Amino acid sequence: MNDLSRSGRLDASAPTLFGPRLLVPIALLSLYFVWGSTYLAIRVAVASWPPFLMAAVRFLCAGGALYAFLRWRGMAAPTRRQWLNSAATGVMLLGFGNGLVCYAEQSVASGLAAVAVASMPLFAAVFGGFYGQWPRRLEWLGLGVGFAGVILLNLGGSMAGSPVGAIALVVAAGSWAFGSVWSKRRDMPPAAMNTAAQMLTGGAVLLVFALLIGERLPVSPPLSANLALVYLAIAGSLVGFSAYLYLLNTVRPALATSYAYVNPPVAVLVGALFGGEAVHGFDIVAMAVILGGVGLIALARERAA
């Protein structure tokens, strides 16, 4: 669940120490494995941290650091309208999107959470119809296949024993998709400032919500939980989003968004190897069906382009 809406493009004329031939594979690998591993990091963190408060601390720290750096480098602050649009998008993507993933991972394995979130492009294709971009014939086929996989995952796999977590993940994917589609038609801050503004506003909303429902800072969380939170803020937010922005500016969108296919199996593998999570055959089948549907939608859009 990691496309922060119209995140913008980096300046192609900016000097780089290395060329795209080296940087593109590095960015892809970091995106595949860093974002794929964040699901287990969330699971480790929420074992001791309250889910919404943990997400709030993550995004406020990462967003604050990025915003300060960009302002120090001379980038203009967002306008009032851009702040409002960033806040709305941040609530949908980070508040509902990431916040509900953190909540769900209290009862759902990290690998399965990543598989459920992989359904986001399916929802995005449906929401695109609100703005006149109705799915084409091949995309409708992909939607049918993908949502069949979502049903399999929620009713027949390991998630059947965690109905609340399953519902939270579906709502998270839908909210992330709608926020992404909605924000593309709004006045948003440029480039990385958009990411910083969304993390700051989304983190602030998460903090208020966490305090309202009674979440408080843990008294003495173990080192593993704190390290997981630091990893999410630095690697997941700052490094991952920077790599994604670079790829959007350098390669075709289909390659830049290919993390959607790689993150779920990476998350399942990382959860099994390092988190001791069990993976059942039915879950693997559901993952294959969901990714097959997402692949059909991507193929249809590539043909149209």
Protein backbone atom coordinates (compact mmCIF):
# COMPACT_ATOMS: atom_id res chain seq x y z
CA MET A 1 0.00 0.00 0.00
CA ASN A 2 2.68 2.60 -0.86
CA ASP A 3 1.66 5.06 -3.95
CA LEU A 4 1.26 8.35 -2.10
CA SER A 5 -1.04 9.75 -4.80
CA ARG A 6 0.34 12.20 -7.32
CA SER A 7 3.68 12.24 -5.58
CA GLY A 8 5.16 14.16 -8.48
CA ARG A 9 8.31 13.85 -10.52
CA LEU A 10 11.80 14.75 -9.53
CA ASP A 11 13.64 17.21 -11.72
CA ALA A 12 15.15 15.18 -14.52
CA SER A 13 17.90 17.77 -14.96
CA ALA A 14 19.13 17.42 -11.37
CA PRO A 15 22.67 16.05 -11.29
CA THR A 16 23.15 12.54 -9.99
CA LEU A 17 26.26 10.80 -8.80
CA PHE A 18 25.48 7.68 -10.82
CA GLY A 19 23.50 7.10 -13.99
CA PRO A 20 20.11 5.38 -14.35
CA ARG A 21 21.78 2.13 -15.40
CA LEU A 22 22.96 1.70 -11.82
CA LEU A 23 20.37 3.66 -9.89
CA VAL A 24 17.26 2.09 -11.44
CA PRO A 25 18.11 -1.49 -10.33
CA ILE A 26 19.08 -0.20 -6.87
CA ALA A 27 15.81 1.72 -6.56
CA LEU A 28 13.77 -1.26 -7.76
CA LEU A 29 15.45 -3.67 -5.36
CA SER A 30 15.00 -1.27 -2.44
CA LEU A 31 11.35 -0.78 -3.34
CA TYR A 32 10.70 -4.52 -3.70
CA PHE A 33 12.39 -5.63 -0.52
CA VAL A 34 12.05 -2.58 1.74
CA TRP A 35 8.34 -2.14 1.16
CA GLY A 36 7.83 -5.89 1.17
CA SER A 37 9.51 -6.15 4.57
CA THR A 38 7.58 -3.28 6.16
CA TYR A 39 4.59 -5.57 6.76
CA LEU A 40 6.57 -7.72 9.17
CA ALA A 41 8.03 -4.58 10.77
CA ILE A 42 4.48 -3.35 11.38
CA ARG A 43 3.58 -6.69 12.95
CA VAL A 44 6.58 -6.48 15.29
CA ALA A 45 5.86 -2.86 16.23
CA VAL A 46 2.13 -3.30 16.98
CA ALA A 47 2.91 -6.17 19.32
CA SER A 48 3.92 -3.45 21.80
CA TRP A 49 2.79 -0.14 20.31
CA PRO A 50 -0.89 0.80 19.86
CA PRO A 51 -1.51 0.58 16.09
CA PHE A 52 -2.77 4.07 15.29
CA LEU A 53 -0.34 5.80 17.64
CA MET A 54 2.53 3.82 16.15
CA ALA A 55 1.53 4.90 12.63
CA ALA A 56 1.19 8.51 13.81
CA VAL A 57 4.68 8.57 15.32
CA ARG A 58 6.12 6.97 12.18
CA PHE A 59 4.65 9.48 9.74
CA LEU A 60 5.10 12.56 11.92
CA CYS A 61 8.80 11.81 12.40
CA ALA A 62 9.44 10.89 8.77
CA GLY A 63 7.29 13.71 7.40
CA GLY A 64 8.78 16.29 9.76
CA ALA A 65 12.34 15.30 8.83
CA LEU A 66 11.58 15.38 5.09
CA TYR A 67 9.72 18.69 5.32
CA ALA A 68 12.56 20.33 7.26
CA PHE A 69 15.11 19.05 4.75
CA LEU A 70 13.13 20.31 1.74
CA ARG A 71 12.60 23.72 3.28
CA TRP A 72 16.31 23.89 4.13
CA ARG A 73 17.07 23.16 0.48
CA GLY A 74 14.88 26.09 -0.52
CA MET A 75 11.67 24.37 -1.66
CA ALA A 76 8.57 26.52 -1.20
CA ALA A 77 6.01 25.53 1.41
CA PRO A 78 2.64 24.26 0.15
CA THR A 79 -0.13 26.78 -0.37
CA ARG A 80 -3.23 26.75 1.82
CA ARG A 81 -5.19 24.83 -0.83
CA GLN A 82 -2.34 22.34 -1.24
CA TRP A 83 -2.21 21.78 2.52
CA LEU A 84 -5.96 21.08 2.54
CA ASN A 85 -5.72 18.68 -0.40
CA SER A 86 -2.71 16.97 1.17
CA ALA A 87 -4.62 16.61 4.43
CA ALA A 88 -7.60 15.00 2.70
CA THR A 89 -5.34 12.66 0.76
CA GLY A 90 -3.22 11.91 3.81
CA VAL A 91 -6.32 10.90 5.77
CA MET A 92 -7.41 8.49 3.02
CA LEU A 93 -3.98 7.03 2.24
CA LEU A 94 -2.21 7.10 5.59
CA GLY A 95 -5.05 7.45 8.06
CA PHE A 96 -7.47 4.86 6.74
CA GLY A 97 -5.04 3.12 4.39
CA ASN A 98 -1.97 2.51 6.52
CA GLY A 99 -3.69 2.98 9.88
CA LEU A 100 -6.14 0.14 9.24
CA VAL A 101 -3.31 -2.09 8.01
CA CYS A 102 -1.55 -1.53 11.35
CA TYR A 103 -4.80 -2.27 13.18
CA ALA A 104 -5.42 -5.44 11.16
CA GLU A 105 -1.93 -6.80 11.74
CA GLN A 106 -2.76 -7.25 15.41
CA SER A 107 -4.68 -10.35 14.32
CA VAL A 108 -3.65 -11.02 10.70
CA ALA A 109 -0.28 -12.33 9.54
CA SER A 110 1.91 -9.74 7.83
CA GLY A 111 2.16 -11.72 4.60
CA LEU A 112 -1.60 -12.03 4.31
CA ALA A 113 -1.98 -8.30 4.97
CA ALA A 114 0.32 -7.59 2.02
CA VAL A 115 -1.71 -9.94 -0.18
CA ALA A 116 -4.95 -8.18 0.76
CA VAL A 117 -3.43 -4.75 0.12
CA ALA A 118 -2.35 -5.95 -3.33
CA SER A 119 -6.02 -5.61 -4.32
CA MET A 120 -5.66 -1.80 -4.30
CA PRO A 121 -5.36 -1.48 -8.13
CA LEU A 122 -8.68 -3.31 -8.44
CA PHE A 123 -10.44 -0.66 -6.39
CA ALA A 124 -8.59 2.10 -8.25
CA ALA A 125 -9.90 0.80 -11.57
CA VAL A 126 -13.47 0.92 -10.23
CA PHE A 127 -13.11 4.40 -8.70
CA GLY A 128 -11.68 5.69 -11.96
CA GLY A 129 -15.18 5.29 -13.38
CA PHE A 130 -16.35 8.11 -11.12
CA TYR A 131 -14.30 10.43 -13.32
CA GLY A 132 -15.31 8.94 -16.65
CA GLN A 133 -12.43 6.44 -16.92
CA TRP A 134 -14.51 3.28 -16.97
CA PRO A 135 -12.64 -0.02 -17.19
CA ARG A 136 -12.15 -1.52 -20.63
CA ARG A 137 -13.14 -5.07 -21.50
CA LEU A 138 -9.85 -6.63 -20.42
CA GLU A 139 -9.87 -4.54 -17.25
CA TRP A 140 -13.35 -5.84 -16.38
CA LEU A 141 -11.98 -9.35 -16.72
CA GLY A 142 -9.09 -8.42 -14.43
CA LEU A 143 -11.53 -6.96 -11.91
CA GLY A 144 -13.57 -10.14 -11.90
CA VAL A 145 -10.51 -12.34 -11.44
CA GLY A 146 -8.95 -10.07 -8.81
CA PHE A 147 -12.05 -9.68 -6.65
CA ALA A 148 -12.61 -13.45 -6.85
CA GLY A 149 -9.15 -13.76 -5.28
CA VAL A 150 -10.11 -11.27 -2.56
CA ILE A 151 -13.17 -13.38 -1.75
CA LEU A 152 -11.06 -16.54 -1.65
CA LEU A 153 -8.55 -14.87 0.66
CA ASN A 154 -11.19 -13.60 3.08
CA LEU A 155 -13.50 -16.61 3.16
CA GLY A 156 -11.38 -19.66 2.52
CA GLY A 157 -7.89 -18.87 3.78
CA SER A 158 -6.26 -18.09 7.09
CA MET A 159 -7.98 -14.69 7.26
CA ALA A 160 -11.35 -16.39 7.71
CA GLY A 161 -10.53 -16.61 11.42
CA SER A 162 -9.99 -12.84 11.69
CA PRO A 163 -13.09 -11.24 10.14
CA VAL A 164 -12.51 -7.80 11.70
CA GLY A 165 -8.94 -7.71 10.45
CA ALA A 166 -10.06 -8.88 7.00
CA ILE A 167 -12.67 -6.10 6.78
CA ALA A 168 -10.10 -3.53 7.93
CA LEU A 169 -7.70 -4.59 5.15
CA VAL A 170 -10.38 -4.37 2.46
CA VAL A 171 -11.39 -0.89 3.67
CA ALA A 172 -7.69 0.10 3.78
CA ALA A 173 -7.12 -0.97 0.16
CA GLY A 174 -10.30 0.79 -0.98
CA SER A 175 -9.43 3.99 0.86
CA TRP A 176 -5.89 4.04 -0.51
CA ALA A 177 -7.24 3.53 -4.03
CA PHE A 178 -9.88 6.26 -3.78
CA GLY A 179 -7.38 8.72 -2.28
CA SER A 180 -4.95 8.03 -5.13
CA VAL A 181 -7.62 8.55 -7.81
CA TRP A 182 -9.12 11.61 -6.12
CA SER A 183 -5.82 13.40 -5.58
CA LYS A 184 -4.75 13.18 -9.22
CA ARG A 185 -7.32 15.86 -10.02
CA ARG A 186 -6.38 18.21 -7.20
CA ASP A 187 -3.79 20.92 -6.70
CA MET A 188 -1.07 19.10 -4.77
CA PRO A 189 2.42 20.21 -3.67
CA PRO A 190 5.24 19.42 -6.09
CA ALA A 191 7.56 16.44 -5.96
CA ALA A 192 8.75 15.23 -2.55
CA MET A 193 6.96 18.09 -0.76
CA ASN A 194 3.71 16.26 -1.53
CA THR A 195 4.98 13.21 0.33
CA ALA A 196 6.12 15.31 3.30
CA ALA A 197 2.81 17.20 3.49
CA GLN A 198 0.76 14.01 3.35
CA MET A 199 2.84 12.32 6.03
CA LEU A 200 2.58 15.36 8.31
CA THR A 201 -1.17 15.85 7.91
CA GLY A 202 -1.99 12.14 7.87
CA GLY A 203 0.20 11.58 10.91
CA ALA A 204 -1.48 14.45 12.77
CA VAL A 205 -4.95 12.99 12.10
CA LEU A 206 -3.76 9.56 13.21
CA LEU A 207 -2.39 11.07 16.43
CA VAL A 208 -5.66 12.83 17.25
CA PHE A 209 -7.67 9.68 16.53
CA ALA A 210 -5.32 7.53 18.61
CA LEU A 211 -5.64 9.84 21.61
CA LEU A 212 -9.43 10.03 21.24
CA ILE A 213 -9.82 6.24 21.39
CA GLY A 214 -7.53 6.04 24.41
CA GLU A 215 -4.23 4.91 22.92
CA ARG A 216 -1.20 5.96 24.93
CA LEU A 217 2.57 5.61 24.59
CA PRO A 218 3.77 2.19 25.79
CA VAL A 219 5.56 2.32 29.12
CA SER A 220 8.60 0.23 28.23
CA PRO A 221 8.34 -1.26 24.74
CA PRO A 222 11.02 -3.85 23.89
CA LEU A 223 13.97 -2.88 21.74
CA SER A 224 12.62 -4.95 18.83
CA ALA A 225 9.42 -2.91 18.67
CA ASN A 226 11.29 0.40 18.79
CA LEU A 227 13.73 -0.72 16.12
CA ALA A 228 10.82 -1.81 13.93
CA LEU A 229 9.29 1.67 14.29
CA VAL A 230 12.59 3.34 13.37
CA TYR A 231 12.90 1.02 10.37
CA LEU A 232 9.39 1.94 9.21
CA ALA A 233 10.10 5.67 9.50
CA ILE A 234 13.52 5.65 7.83
CA ALA A 235 13.52 2.72 5.42
CA GLY A 236 9.82 2.37 4.74
CA SER A 237 8.90 6.06 4.49
CA LEU A 238 12.00 8.05 3.56
CA VAL A 239 14.05 5.53 1.55
CA GLY A 240 11.09 3.74 0.00
CA PHE A 241 9.23 6.85 -1.10
CA SER A 242 12.43 8.44 -2.43
CA ALA A 243 13.12 5.37 -4.53
CA TYR A 244 9.55 5.39 -5.82
CA LEU A 245 9.74 9.07 -6.80
CA TYR A 246 13.00 8.44 -8.67
CA LEU A 247 11.48 5.53 -10.57
CA LEU A 248 8.39 7.53 -11.52
CA ASN A 249 10.66 10.12 -13.07
CA THR A 250 13.04 7.70 -14.78
CA VAL A 251 11.19 4.60 -16.03
CA ARG A 252 7.81 3.68 -17.44
CA PRO A 253 4.92 3.71 -14.91
CA ALA A 254 4.41 -0.04 -15.40
CA LEU A 255 7.94 -0.69 -14.10
CA ALA A 256 7.73 1.91 -11.34
CA THR A 257 4.52 0.33 -9.98
CA SER A 258 5.73 -3.25 -10.39
CA TYR A 259 6.22 -3.37 -6.60
CA ALA A 260 2.51 -4.26 -6.43
CA TYR A 261 3.36 -7.72 -7.78
CA VAL A 262 6.60 -8.26 -5.87
CA ASN A 263 5.73 -6.97 -2.39
CA PRO A 264 3.13 -9.68 -1.52
CA PRO A 265 5.39 -12.71 -2.15
CA VAL A 266 8.30 -10.88 -0.50
CA ALA A 267 6.14 -10.11 2.54
CA VAL A 268 4.93 -13.72 2.73
CA LEU A 269 8.50 -15.02 2.50
CA VAL A 270 9.86 -12.54 5.06
CA GLY A 271 7.00 -13.30 7.44
CA ALA A 272 7.59 -17.04 7.15
CA LEU A 273 11.39 -16.88 7.49
CA PHE A 274 11.75 -14.22 10.19
CA GLY A 275 8.33 -13.98 11.78
CA GLY A 276 7.46 -17.67 12.03
CA GLU A 277 4.18 -17.09 10.16
CA ALA A 278 2.44 -20.09 8.66
CA VAL A 279 1.45 -19.93 4.99
CA HIS A 280 -1.32 -22.22 3.76
CA GLY A 281 -1.85 -23.45 0.24
CA PHE A 282 -5.21 -21.72 -0.05
CA ASP A 283 -3.56 -18.40 0.76
CA ILE A 284 -1.01 -18.91 -2.02
CA VAL A 285 -3.81 -19.67 -4.49
CA ALA A 286 -5.69 -16.52 -3.45
CA MET A 287 -2.53 -14.44 -3.86
CA ALA A 288 -1.95 -15.82 -7.35
CA VAL A 289 -5.54 -15.04 -8.35
CA ILE A 290 -5.39 -11.47 -6.99
CA LEU A 291 -2.07 -10.74 -8.69
CA GLY A 292 -3.40 -12.29 -11.90
CA GLY A 293 -6.31 -9.85 -11.87
CA VAL A 294 -4.01 -6.90 -11.18
CA GLY A 295 -1.78 -8.05 -14.03
CA LEU A 296 -4.69 -8.11 -16.48
CA ILE A 297 -5.59 -4.53 -15.54
CA ALA A 298 -1.99 -3.41 -16.00
CA LEU A 299 -1.86 -5.18 -19.39
CA ALA A 300 -5.03 -3.44 -20.53
CA ARG A 301 -3.64 -0.03 -19.59
CA GLU A 302 -0.34 -0.72 -21.31
CA ARG A 303 -2.18 -1.60 -24.53
CA ALA A 304 -4.27 1.55 -24.28
CA ALA A 305 -1.15 3.67 -23.73
